[in-house]
Amino acid sequence: MMADTPIVTVMVFDTCVTGKRGTLHFDVMTTDEATALKLAKQHLESIGETDAAVTTNECQFCHSEPVVFFSVEQQRQLKEHGGFIVQLPA
């Protein structure tokens, strides 16, 4: 993909892991599986869940969404960091 080509859809990776605080459920919004796993691990580290396992078993592609569905801030995170996290109830 060329750098100036806009991303029009984002892949939604449904993520459900077991951490110290129990079940953690969030979506990783990105463009590929490798980035989804990387972002999921970074998110878990950022909330103190460094020991929670996250693999393709816990972080699975479920569908795609148009990028326009998301906020300007979320679109910025997608462009700058390759994706973003959407917290969900456990």
C-alpha atoms as a PDB file:
ATOM      1  CA  MET A   1       0.000   0.000   0.000  1.00  0.00           C
ATOM      2  CA  MET A   2       1.326   3.439  -0.882  1.00  0.00           C
ATOM      3  CA  ALA A   3       1.829   5.870   1.993  1.00  0.00           C
ATOM      4  CA  ASP A   4      -0.628   8.427   0.593  1.00  0.00           C
ATOM      5  CA  THR A   5      -3.348   5.874  -0.158  1.00  0.00           C
ATOM      6  CA  PRO A   6      -6.166   6.359   2.369  1.00  0.00           C
ATOM      7  CA  ILE A   7      -7.272   3.376   4.400  1.00  0.00           C
ATOM      8  CA  VAL A   8     -11.001   2.973   3.764  1.00  0.00           C
ATOM      9  CA  THR A   9     -11.757  -0.107   5.879  1.00  0.00           C
ATOM     10  CA  VAL A  10     -10.299  -1.428   9.082  1.00  0.00           C
ATOM     11  CA  MET A  11     -10.195  -5.058  10.184  1.00  0.00           C
ATOM     12  CA  VAL A  12     -11.794  -5.804  13.555  1.00  0.00           C
ATOM     13  CA  PHE A  13      -9.977  -8.405  15.682  1.00  0.00           C
ATOM     14  CA  ASP A  14     -12.152  -9.544  18.585  1.00  0.00           C
ATOM     15  CA  THR A  15      -9.825 -10.122  21.528  1.00  0.00           C
ATOM     16  CA  CYS A  16     -10.672 -11.929  24.750  1.00  0.00           C
ATOM     17  CA  VAL A  17      -7.874 -12.807  27.184  1.00  0.00           C
ATOM     18  CA  THR A  18      -7.609 -13.944  30.770  1.00  0.00           C
ATOM     19  CA  GLY A  19      -5.592 -11.603  32.938  1.00  0.00           C
ATOM     20  CA  LYS A  20      -4.959 -10.970  36.622  1.00  0.00           C
ATOM     21  CA  ARG A  21      -8.291  -9.130  36.820  1.00  0.00           C
ATOM     22  CA  GLY A  22     -10.239 -11.839  35.015  1.00  0.00           C
ATOM     23  CA  THR A  23     -11.565 -11.697  31.473  1.00  0.00           C
ATOM     24  CA  LEU A  24     -10.409  -8.746  29.377  1.00  0.00           C
ATOM     25  CA  HIS A  25     -12.395  -8.063  26.208  1.00  0.00           C
ATOM     26  CA  PHE A  26     -11.454  -5.530  23.544  1.00  0.00           C
ATOM     27  CA  ASP A  27     -11.357  -5.082  19.792  1.00  0.00           C
ATOM     28  CA  VAL A  28      -8.167  -4.300  17.936  1.00  0.00           C
ATOM     29  CA  MET A  29      -8.872  -2.193  14.872  1.00  0.00           C
ATOM     30  CA  THR A  30      -6.102  -2.435  12.290  1.00  0.00           C
ATOM     31  CA  THR A  31      -5.190  -3.606   8.787  1.00  0.00           C
ATOM     32  CA  ASP A  32      -3.509  -6.989   9.376  1.00  0.00           C
ATOM     33  CA  GLU A  33      -3.152  -9.850  11.855  1.00  0.00           C
ATOM     34  CA  ALA A  34       0.505  -9.205  12.810  1.00  0.00           C
ATOM     35  CA  THR A  35      -0.278  -5.605  13.749  1.00  0.00           C
ATOM     36  CA  ALA A  36      -3.372  -6.733  15.668  1.00  0.00           C
ATOM     37  CA  LEU A  37      -1.272  -9.056  17.823  1.00  0.00           C
ATOM     38  CA  LYS A  38       1.371  -6.365  18.386  1.00  0.00           C
ATOM     39  CA  LEU A  39      -1.223  -3.757  19.385  1.00  0.00           C
ATOM     40  CA  ALA A  40      -3.048  -6.233  21.652  1.00  0.00           C
ATOM     41  CA  LYS A  41       0.217  -7.017  23.489  1.00  0.00           C
ATOM     42  CA  GLN A  42       1.043  -3.314  23.822  1.00  0.00           C
ATOM     43  CA  HIS A  43      -2.436  -2.619  25.188  1.00  0.00           C
ATOM     44  CA  LEU A  44      -2.166  -5.422  27.745  1.00  0.00           C
ATOM     45  CA  GLU A  45       1.242  -4.115  28.864  1.00  0.00           C
ATOM     46  CA  SER A  46      -0.176  -0.593  29.180  1.00  0.00           C
ATOM     47  CA  ILE A  47      -2.849  -1.807  31.633  1.00  0.00           C
ATOM     48  CA  GLY A  48      -0.443  -3.933  33.692  1.00  0.00           C
ATOM     49  CA  GLU A  49      -1.401  -7.301  32.181  1.00  0.00           C
ATOM     50  CA  THR A  50       2.064  -8.244  30.914  1.00  0.00           C
ATOM     51  CA  ASP A  51       1.550 -11.958  31.623  1.00  0.00           C
ATOM     52  CA  ALA A  52      -1.747 -12.297  29.723  1.00  0.00           C
ATOM     53  CA  ALA A  53      -1.327 -14.546  26.686  1.00  0.00           C
ATOM     54  CA  VAL A  54      -2.497 -13.141  23.373  1.00  0.00           C
ATOM     55  CA  THR A  55      -2.237 -15.270  20.237  1.00  0.00           C
ATOM     56  CA  THR A  56      -4.403 -15.805  17.181  1.00  0.00           C
ATOM     57  CA  ASN A  57      -6.606 -17.943  19.469  1.00  0.00           C
ATOM     58  CA  GLU A  58      -7.449 -14.930  21.662  1.00  0.00           C
ATOM     59  CA  CYS A  59      -7.258 -12.257  18.942  1.00  0.00           C
ATOM     60  CA  GLN A  60      -9.355 -13.295  15.945  1.00  0.00           C
ATOM     61  CA  PHE A  61     -10.467 -11.414  12.858  1.00  0.00           C
ATOM     62  CA  CYS A  62     -14.257 -11.105  12.855  1.00  0.00           C
ATOM     63  CA  HIS A  63     -15.219  -8.443  10.285  1.00  0.00           C
ATOM     64  CA  SER A  64     -14.284  -5.142   8.649  1.00  0.00           C
ATOM     65  CA  GLU A  65     -15.699  -1.675   9.252  1.00  0.00           C
ATOM     66  CA  PRO A  66     -15.469   1.542   7.227  1.00  0.00           C
ATOM     67  CA  VAL A  67     -12.883   3.894   8.750  1.00  0.00           C
ATOM     68  CA  VAL A  68     -15.417   6.754   8.594  1.00  0.00           C
ATOM     69  CA  PHE A  69     -17.333   5.026  11.418  1.00  0.00           C
ATOM     70  CA  PHE A  70     -14.559   6.033  13.835  1.00  0.00           C
ATOM     71  CA  SER A  71     -13.553   9.302  15.469  1.00  0.00           C
ATOM     72  CA  VAL A  72     -10.903  11.651  14.131  1.00  0.00           C
ATOM     73  CA  GLU A  73      -8.683  10.593  17.058  1.00  0.00           C
ATOM     74  CA  GLN A  74      -9.125   6.894  16.261  1.00  0.00           C
ATOM     75  CA  GLN A  75      -8.368   7.572  12.586  1.00  0.00           C
ATOM     76  CA  ARG A  76      -5.217   9.442  13.657  1.00  0.00           C
ATOM     77  CA  GLN A  77      -4.127   6.455  15.776  1.00  0.00           C
ATOM     78  CA  LEU A  78      -4.722   4.147  12.812  1.00  0.00           C
ATOM     79  CA  LYS A  79      -2.558   6.338  10.583  1.00  0.00           C
ATOM     80  CA  GLU A  80       0.213   6.956  13.143  1.00  0.00           C
ATOM     81  CA  HIS A  81       0.290   3.656  15.076  1.00  0.00           C
ATOM     82  CA  GLY A  82      -1.288   1.175  12.686  1.00  0.00           C
ATOM     83  CA  GLY A  83      -4.466   0.761  14.705  1.00  0.00           C
ATOM     84  CA  PHE A  84      -6.341   1.380  17.924  1.00  0.00           C
ATOM     85  CA  ILE A  85      -8.138  -0.419  20.749  1.00  0.00           C
ATOM     86  CA  VAL A  86     -11.861  -0.319  21.511  1.00  0.00           C
ATOM     87  CA  GLN A  87     -12.628  -1.488  25.086  1.00  0.00           C
ATOM     88  CA  LEU A  88     -15.616  -3.803  25.455  1.00  0.00           C
ATOM     89  CA  PRO A  89     -17.453  -5.128  28.502  1.00  0.00           C
ATOM     90  CA  ALA A  90     -16.047  -8.478  29.671  1.00  0.00           C
END
